[in-house]
Amino acid sequence: MAIRKEAQRGAATLLVAVVLLAAITLITLFTARSSLFEQRISGNESRARQAMETAEAGLQQTFAYLNAKGPFCDAATGGDVVLNSTDDWCGEATCPAYRVVLHLLNRCEPGDACYDAAKLCLAEDERPLISVRATGFSDDSSATRIITQLIGDDPPIANAPKQPIITRGNMTLSGNLTIINHYSNITIWSGASVIGNASASGGSSQTLIQVNGVPYVVSSEGTDVGPDVVQNDPTLANATSEEFFQNFFNEPKAVVEAQADIHLPADGDAALDEASGKRIWVEGDYSLGTDIGTPEAPVVMVVNGSLDLTGNTVVWGVIYVTGDLNKGAGNVLVHGSMVVEGDVDLGTGSFVVDYAPLDQLGEDGVLNAVGAISGGWIDYCPDTNYDGNPDCL
């Protein structure tokens, strides 16, 4: 029997419709599967990012902990210190967790010359090098990220002065001046002239150095300027203000200002009552007539202007002056050193600079802050022993 053409066309249409419906169904299922897969990827990326940010937060919390003089080593065992996050550290009711392990890399071990069984956390050269391993978790703990950072001393002055007085300008040895250096045979280093004391008012000046292990050897006295005074040094004279500054701090002035603990006049002179062991930045000319620093907690003061020393003042630490240094009446005693970009006029009265290297002042690195070691940041587990076992596991 002959099949009508209309029936043939109906069967063909039905077949095409079924094929199209199947294709649409497959496309819908594929799209839904792709969307679900993308959501999972997005969720995993979000949790991984959260874990990384939490690890970074743990690292920043560690800097604050160490700068607050938190121990980086277990004094009882010499072992690692572990810092765990609190539930509300991020300011919310619950926060993703982090775990930080502090490991002293250069600890003095038995057999080392620096080893002391009563002080198990001593570091070689008294400069701790700490490996900080921060592990961050996502809020559901399904993702973890690890950051390792080397941390060491961040001294307030990268290249601390090695002489009692360093000046780029002129200096007159006036009043009752005594400059002492038991660490080398240089007391004054100047980029211009140093004029001996020719005062007719009875003032006297002298410099004392160590010679062949013998302390308090007079080198310069009165109008006689001895070999302990280096003057007219073109290296100092030709340096720009910024070059001269960075020779000591190894950072631009703006960076050092930002790192200061106390800012004057903004914080008020009363802030100097709590200045021991801190970095001080003074903007503009300033008159200092109060004691600052202690033997255990010296200061580093930068005066971005000229400085007048008045009254009976005792300073422990280093003072850097971008302008001139002037001294009025009174007796001033500096245990440390002074660096001046301009001229030095010591006026009348008694002025004593008893040089001590900054790292010889202070107790257990009171002044020094901690800082990240350049090139010491990684976000993976290193295999330093090359044994196939990552150190972080």
Protein backbone atom coordinates (compact mmCIF):
# COMPACT_ATOMS: atom_id res chain seq x y z
CA MET A 1 0.00 0.00 0.00
CA ALA A 2 1.41 3.42 -0.86
CA ILE A 3 2.31 5.70 2.06
CA ARG A 4 1.02 9.17 1.73
CA LYS A 5 3.55 11.96 1.48
CA GLU A 6 1.84 13.81 4.35
CA ALA A 7 2.56 10.88 6.71
CA GLN A 8 6.16 10.74 5.59
CA ARG A 9 6.57 14.44 6.30
CA GLY A 10 5.00 14.00 9.76
CA ALA A 11 7.41 11.22 10.65
CA ALA A 12 10.38 13.31 9.51
CA THR A 13 9.17 16.29 11.53
CA LEU A 14 8.79 14.12 14.63
CA LEU A 15 12.30 12.74 14.19
CA VAL A 16 13.78 16.22 13.83
CA ALA A 17 11.85 17.40 16.89
CA VAL A 18 13.12 14.48 18.96
CA VAL A 19 16.70 15.15 17.83
CA LEU A 20 16.39 18.84 18.62
CA LEU A 21 14.84 18.08 22.03
CA ALA A 22 17.66 15.68 22.82
CA ALA A 23 20.24 18.25 21.72
CA ILE A 24 18.61 20.95 23.84
CA THR A 25 18.52 18.59 26.80
CA LEU A 26 22.19 17.76 26.39
CA ILE A 27 23.09 21.43 26.03
CA THR A 28 21.05 22.27 29.14
CA LEU A 29 22.70 19.51 31.14
CA PHE A 30 26.17 20.55 29.91
CA THR A 31 25.45 24.19 30.74
CA ALA A 32 24.20 23.26 34.20
CA ARG A 33 27.23 21.06 34.76
CA SER A 34 29.58 23.80 33.56
CA SER A 35 27.83 26.34 35.77
CA LEU A 36 28.13 24.04 38.78
CA PHE A 37 31.78 23.41 37.97
CA GLU A 38 32.44 27.14 37.67
CA GLN A 39 30.69 27.73 40.98
CA ARG A 40 32.92 25.15 42.59
CA ILE A 41 36.01 26.73 41.06
CA SER A 42 34.86 30.17 42.22
CA GLY A 43 34.19 28.81 45.70
CA ASN A 44 37.58 27.12 45.85
CA GLU A 45 39.30 30.30 44.66
CA SER A 46 37.40 32.33 47.24
CA ARG A 47 38.38 29.97 50.04
CA ALA A 48 41.98 29.83 48.84
CA ARG A 49 42.10 33.63 48.72
CA GLN A 50 40.59 33.81 52.19
CA ALA A 51 43.20 31.34 53.49
CA MET A 52 46.01 33.37 51.90
CA GLU A 53 44.69 36.62 53.36
CA THR A 54 44.40 34.95 56.76
CA ALA A 55 48.01 33.75 56.53
CA GLU A 56 49.07 37.31 55.63
CA ALA A 57 47.12 38.58 58.63
CA GLY A 58 48.92 36.07 60.85
CA LEU A 59 52.24 37.34 59.50
CA GLN A 60 51.32 40.96 60.24
CA GLN A 61 50.15 40.01 63.73
CA THR A 62 53.54 38.38 64.24
CA PHE A 63 55.37 41.62 63.41
CA ALA A 64 53.26 43.42 66.01
CA TYR A 65 53.89 40.64 68.53
CA LEU A 66 57.68 40.74 68.05
CA ASN A 67 57.84 44.54 68.07
CA ALA A 68 55.98 44.41 71.39
CA LYS A 69 58.95 42.33 72.65
CA GLY A 70 57.10 39.03 72.54
CA PRO A 71 59.50 36.07 72.87
CA PHE A 72 60.60 34.44 69.61
CA CYS A 73 61.97 31.35 71.36
CA ASP A 74 60.87 29.18 74.29
CA ALA A 75 63.28 30.22 77.05
CA ALA A 76 62.73 26.95 78.94
CA THR A 77 63.48 24.59 76.06
CA GLY A 78 65.01 26.73 73.31
CA GLY A 79 62.24 25.43 71.07
CA ASP A 80 59.80 27.10 68.70
CA VAL A 81 57.07 29.53 69.71
CA VAL A 82 53.58 28.91 68.31
CA LEU A 83 51.00 31.70 67.94
CA ASN A 84 47.37 30.75 67.38
CA SER A 85 44.69 33.21 66.36
CA THR A 86 41.82 34.15 68.64
CA ASP A 87 38.24 33.61 67.50
CA ASP A 88 37.54 37.34 67.11
CA TRP A 89 40.91 38.67 65.89
CA CYS A 90 39.34 40.09 62.71
CA GLY A 91 36.75 42.12 64.60
CA GLU A 92 33.88 39.71 63.89
CA ALA A 93 32.26 37.17 66.18
CA THR A 94 34.06 34.36 64.38
CA CYS A 95 37.09 34.63 62.10
CA PRO A 96 39.08 32.23 59.93
CA ALA A 97 42.00 30.80 61.89
CA TYR A 98 45.74 31.11 61.45
CA ARG A 99 48.69 29.38 63.08
CA VAL A 100 52.19 30.88 63.19
CA VAL A 101 55.39 29.04 64.11
CA LEU A 102 58.52 31.05 65.03
CA HIS A 103 61.81 29.20 64.60
CA LEU A 104 65.17 30.73 65.59
CA LEU A 105 67.50 29.75 62.76
CA ASN A 106 70.81 30.92 64.21
CA ARG A 107 70.37 29.81 67.79
CA CYS A 108 73.60 29.14 69.66
CA GLU A 109 73.93 25.37 69.90
CA PRO A 110 76.03 23.27 72.33
CA GLY A 111 79.62 23.49 71.20
CA ASP A 112 79.26 27.05 69.84
CA ALA A 113 81.34 29.75 71.50
CA CYS A 114 78.19 31.75 72.19
CA TYR A 115 76.28 28.85 73.80
CA ASP A 116 75.00 29.39 77.33
CA ALA A 117 73.01 26.58 78.95
CA ALA A 118 71.20 29.16 81.08
CA LYS A 119 70.17 31.19 78.01
CA LEU A 120 68.83 28.77 75.42
CA CYS A 121 67.50 31.48 73.10
CA LEU A 122 70.79 33.24 72.41
CA ALA A 123 71.41 33.98 68.73
CA GLU A 124 74.79 34.13 67.03
CA ASP A 125 76.19 37.69 67.13
CA GLU A 126 73.08 38.53 69.18
CA ARG A 127 71.22 39.13 65.90
CA PRO A 128 68.27 36.72 65.77
CA LEU A 129 67.28 35.36 62.36
CA ILE A 130 63.77 33.98 62.65
CA SER A 131 61.83 31.83 60.22
CA VAL A 132 58.13 32.68 60.51
CA ARG A 133 55.75 30.12 59.01
CA ALA A 134 52.17 31.39 58.90
CA THR A 135 49.40 28.95 57.98
CA GLY A 136 46.02 30.43 57.13
CA PHE A 137 42.72 28.55 56.94
CA SER A 138 39.44 29.36 55.21
CA ASP A 139 36.36 29.81 57.37
CA ASP A 140 35.30 26.19 56.72
CA SER A 141 38.91 24.92 57.09
CA SER A 142 38.73 23.29 53.66
CA ALA A 143 41.55 25.45 52.25
CA THR A 144 44.97 26.25 53.70
CA ARG A 145 47.77 28.47 52.53
CA ILE A 146 51.29 28.76 53.95
CA ILE A 147 53.59 31.79 53.92
CA THR A 148 57.18 31.66 55.12
CA GLN A 149 59.04 34.88 55.92
CA LEU A 150 62.54 35.44 57.27
CA ILE A 151 62.61 38.13 59.94
CA GLY A 152 65.60 39.82 61.50
CA ASP A 153 66.71 42.95 63.29
CA ASP A 154 65.58 46.22 61.74
CA PRO A 155 68.05 48.66 63.32
CA PRO A 156 66.94 52.29 63.61
CA ILE A 157 70.13 53.33 61.81
CA ALA A 158 71.44 50.99 59.14
CA ASN A 159 74.95 52.50 59.28
CA ALA A 160 75.25 53.84 62.81
CA PRO A 161 77.83 56.59 63.41
CA LYS A 162 81.29 55.37 64.38
CA GLN A 163 82.51 58.72 65.70
CA PRO A 164 81.21 60.93 68.54
CA ILE A 165 80.53 63.95 66.29
CA ILE A 166 80.06 64.01 62.51
CA THR A 167 79.25 67.28 60.76
CA ARG A 168 79.07 68.41 57.16
CA GLY A 169 79.72 72.00 58.18
CA ASN A 170 82.07 74.00 60.41
CA MET A 171 82.67 73.32 64.09
CA THR A 172 84.19 75.49 66.78
CA LEU A 173 85.62 73.86 69.90
CA SER A 174 84.28 76.36 72.43
CA GLY A 175 83.20 76.29 76.06
CA ASN A 176 84.22 73.41 78.29
CA LEU A 177 84.16 70.69 75.66
CA THR A 178 85.15 67.06 76.13
CA ILE A 179 84.81 64.45 73.39
CA ILE A 180 85.64 60.85 74.24
CA ASN A 181 86.07 57.87 71.91
CA HIS A 182 87.29 54.59 73.37
CA TYR A 183 86.47 52.61 70.22
CA SER A 184 88.65 54.30 67.59
CA ASN A 185 91.09 57.19 67.22
CA ILE A 186 88.66 59.61 65.50
CA THR A 187 86.56 61.98 67.60
CA ILE A 188 85.36 64.57 65.06
CA TRP A 189 84.72 64.05 61.34
CA SER A 190 83.89 67.24 59.46
CA GLY A 191 83.32 68.33 55.89
CA ALA A 192 84.55 71.86 56.72
CA SER A 193 86.89 73.50 59.24
CA VAL A 194 87.25 72.60 62.91
CA ILE A 195 88.52 75.58 64.90
CA GLY A 196 90.32 75.04 68.20
CA ASN A 197 89.24 76.78 71.39
CA ALA A 198 90.84 80.20 71.55
CA SER A 199 88.39 81.55 74.11
CA ALA A 200 89.71 84.09 76.60
CA SER A 201 86.85 83.34 79.01
CA GLY A 202 88.61 80.42 80.62
CA GLY A 203 86.88 77.69 78.58
CA SER A 204 88.81 74.59 77.67
CA SER A 205 88.36 71.82 75.16
CA GLN A 206 89.94 68.44 74.74
CA THR A 207 89.42 65.16 72.96
CA LEU A 208 90.26 61.81 74.50
CA ILE A 209 90.94 58.62 72.57
CA GLN A 210 92.23 55.12 73.15
CA VAL A 211 95.79 54.43 72.06
CA ASN A 212 97.19 50.89 72.16
CA GLY A 213 94.57 49.87 74.68
CA VAL A 214 95.21 52.88 76.93
CA PRO A 215 92.05 54.98 77.42
CA TYR A 216 91.70 58.72 78.05
CA VAL A 217 94.74 59.75 75.99
CA VAL A 218 94.50 63.48 75.20
CA SER A 219 94.77 64.17 71.46
CA SER A 220 93.36 67.67 70.85
CA GLU A 221 93.47 70.41 73.45
CA GLY A 222 92.73 74.12 73.37
CA THR A 223 93.85 75.62 70.08
CA ASP A 224 95.80 72.51 69.13
CA VAL A 225 93.75 70.28 66.87
CA GLY A 226 95.18 66.77 66.88
CA PRO A 227 95.07 63.93 64.34
CA ASP A 228 91.88 62.59 65.90
CA VAL A 229 90.03 65.42 64.14
CA VAL A 230 89.34 64.85 60.42
CA GLN A 231 88.33 68.11 58.76
CA ASN A 232 87.60 69.47 55.26
CA ASP A 233 86.65 66.01 54.01
CA PRO A 234 85.21 66.49 50.47
CA THR A 235 83.18 63.29 50.80
CA LEU A 236 81.06 64.98 53.46
CA ALA A 237 81.23 68.49 52.03
CA ASN A 238 80.05 67.48 48.53
CA ALA A 239 77.23 65.21 49.65
CA THR A 240 73.70 66.52 49.26
CA SER A 241 71.44 66.63 52.28
CA GLU A 242 69.61 63.48 51.17
CA GLU A 243 72.84 61.65 50.33
CA PHE A 244 74.31 62.55 53.70
CA PHE A 245 71.14 61.36 55.46
CA GLN A 246 70.87 58.07 53.58
CA ASN A 247 74.53 57.31 54.26
CA PHE A 248 73.42 56.60 57.83
CA PHE A 249 69.78 55.57 57.59
CA ASN A 250 69.85 53.91 54.18
CA GLU A 251 66.29 55.18 53.67
CA PRO A 252 64.79 58.48 52.43
CA LYS A 253 63.78 60.96 55.10
CA ALA A 254 60.09 60.40 54.38
CA VAL A 255 60.44 56.69 55.19
CA VAL A 256 62.35 57.32 58.43
CA GLU A 257 59.76 59.90 59.46
CA ALA A 258 56.97 57.38 58.88
CA GLN A 259 58.80 54.79 61.01
CA ALA A 260 59.15 57.12 64.01
CA ASP A 261 57.31 56.28 67.23
CA ILE A 262 57.05 59.90 68.37
CA HIS A 263 56.41 62.92 66.14
CA LEU A 264 57.05 66.42 67.43
CA PRO A 265 55.52 68.94 67.74
CA ALA A 266 52.39 66.93 66.81
CA ASP A 267 52.56 64.59 69.83
CA GLY A 268 53.53 67.34 72.28
CA ASP A 269 56.70 67.63 74.38
CA ALA A 270 55.12 65.48 77.09
CA ALA A 271 55.65 62.51 74.75
CA LEU A 272 59.38 62.72 75.52
CA ASP A 273 58.59 61.47 79.04
CA GLU A 274 57.94 58.07 77.43
CA ALA A 275 60.59 58.35 74.71
CA SER A 276 63.12 55.82 76.04
CA GLY A 277 63.87 53.13 73.51
CA LYS A 278 61.94 54.89 70.75
CA ARG A 279 62.53 56.68 67.45
CA ILE A 280 61.72 60.38 67.52
CA TRP A 281 61.09 62.65 64.53
CA VAL A 282 61.05 66.43 65.11
CA GLU A 283 59.70 68.58 62.29
CA GLY A 284 61.20 72.09 62.35
CA ASP A 285 63.62 73.85 64.69
CA TYR A 286 63.60 72.53 68.24
CA SER A 287 64.96 73.33 71.68
CA LEU A 288 65.84 70.31 73.84
CA GLY A 289 66.22 70.89 77.55
CA THR A 290 65.16 67.57 79.07
CA ASP A 291 66.80 64.18 79.53
CA ILE A 292 65.95 61.55 76.92
CA GLY A 293 66.88 57.88 76.72
CA THR A 294 68.45 55.56 79.25
CA PRO A 295 71.44 53.21 79.12
CA GLU A 296 69.04 50.28 78.69
CA ALA A 297 66.72 52.04 76.23
CA PRO A 298 68.53 54.67 74.13
CA VAL A 299 66.76 56.89 71.60
CA VAL A 300 67.29 57.89 68.00
CA MET A 301 66.16 61.46 67.43
CA VAL A 302 66.02 63.15 64.02
CA VAL A 303 65.52 66.92 64.03
CA ASN A 304 64.44 68.12 60.58
CA GLY A 305 65.67 71.62 61.31
CA SER A 306 68.13 73.20 63.75
CA LEU A 307 68.57 72.04 67.34
CA ASP A 308 69.32 74.11 70.44
CA LEU A 309 70.60 72.20 73.47
CA THR A 310 69.75 74.03 76.69
CA GLY A 311 69.88 73.49 80.42
CA ASN A 312 71.39 70.48 82.11
CA THR A 313 70.51 67.71 79.68
CA VAL A 314 71.55 64.07 79.44
CA VAL A 315 71.03 62.14 76.20
CA TRP A 316 71.45 58.39 75.68
CA GLY A 317 71.46 57.51 72.00
CA VAL A 318 71.97 59.23 68.65
CA ILE A 319 70.79 62.67 67.57
CA TYR A 320 70.71 63.60 63.86
CA VAL A 321 70.21 67.27 62.93
CA THR A 322 69.48 68.43 59.38
CA GLY A 323 70.20 72.08 60.27
CA ASP A 324 72.67 73.61 62.74
CA LEU A 325 73.49 72.43 66.24
CA ASN A 326 73.69 75.18 68.86
CA LYS A 327 74.28 74.97 72.57
CA GLY A 328 73.39 77.58 75.13
CA ALA A 329 74.27 77.81 78.79
CA GLY A 330 74.09 74.69 80.90
CA ASN A 331 75.75 71.32 80.99
CA VAL A 332 74.98 68.75 78.30
CA LEU A 333 76.11 65.11 78.39
CA VAL A 334 75.60 62.83 75.38
CA HIS A 335 76.24 59.10 75.69
CA GLY A 336 76.27 58.07 72.03
CA SER A 337 76.89 60.31 69.05
CA MET A 338 75.66 63.35 67.14
CA VAL A 339 75.40 63.85 63.38
CA VAL A 340 74.85 67.36 62.00
CA GLU A 341 74.31 68.48 58.41
CA GLY A 342 74.98 72.14 59.19
CA ASP A 343 77.41 73.94 61.50
CA VAL A 344 78.14 73.19 65.15
CA ASP A 345 78.37 76.07 67.65
CA LEU A 346 78.80 74.80 71.19
CA GLY A 347 78.63 78.19 72.90
CA THR A 348 79.36 78.25 76.62
CA GLY A 349 78.96 75.82 79.47
CA SER A 350 80.00 72.20 79.61
CA PHE A 351 79.45 69.83 76.70
CA VAL A 352 80.54 66.18 76.86
CA VAL A 353 80.08 63.55 74.16
CA ASP A 354 81.05 60.10 75.43
CA TYR A 355 80.83 57.92 72.35
CA ALA A 356 79.21 54.49 72.49
CA PRO A 357 78.11 52.48 69.45
CA LEU A 358 74.37 52.20 69.25
CA ASP A 359 74.50 48.41 69.36
CA GLN A 360 76.42 48.65 72.65
CA LEU A 361 73.62 50.67 74.19
CA GLY A 362 70.34 49.11 75.17
CA GLU A 363 69.45 45.72 76.54
CA ASP A 364 68.44 42.71 74.44
CA GLY A 365 67.76 44.87 71.39
CA VAL A 366 65.25 47.12 73.16
CA LEU A 367 65.51 49.83 70.52
CA ASN A 368 65.66 47.63 67.46
CA ALA A 369 62.46 46.72 65.71
CA VAL A 370 62.08 43.60 63.61
CA GLY A 371 61.78 43.70 59.86
CA ALA A 372 61.33 41.36 56.93
CA ILE A 373 64.52 40.13 55.27
CA SER A 374 64.56 41.06 51.59
CA GLY A 375 64.00 37.98 49.44
CA GLY A 376 62.88 35.96 52.47
CA TRP A 377 59.17 35.63 51.54
CA ILE A 378 57.77 32.51 49.89
CA ASP A 379 54.22 31.16 49.60
CA TYR A 380 55.04 27.49 49.27
CA CYS A 381 56.69 24.78 51.36
CA PRO A 382 60.44 24.67 50.64
CA ASP A 383 62.42 21.44 50.68
CA THR A 384 65.69 22.75 52.08
CA ASN A 385 66.95 19.26 52.89
CA TYR A 386 66.22 18.01 49.38
CA ASP A 387 64.74 14.80 50.78
CA GLY A 388 61.40 15.05 49.03
CA ASN A 389 59.65 16.16 52.22
CA PRO A 390 58.56 19.81 52.25
CA ASP A 391 59.63 21.57 55.44
CA CYS A 392 56.11 22.81 56.15
CA LEU A 393 54.55 19.36 56.47
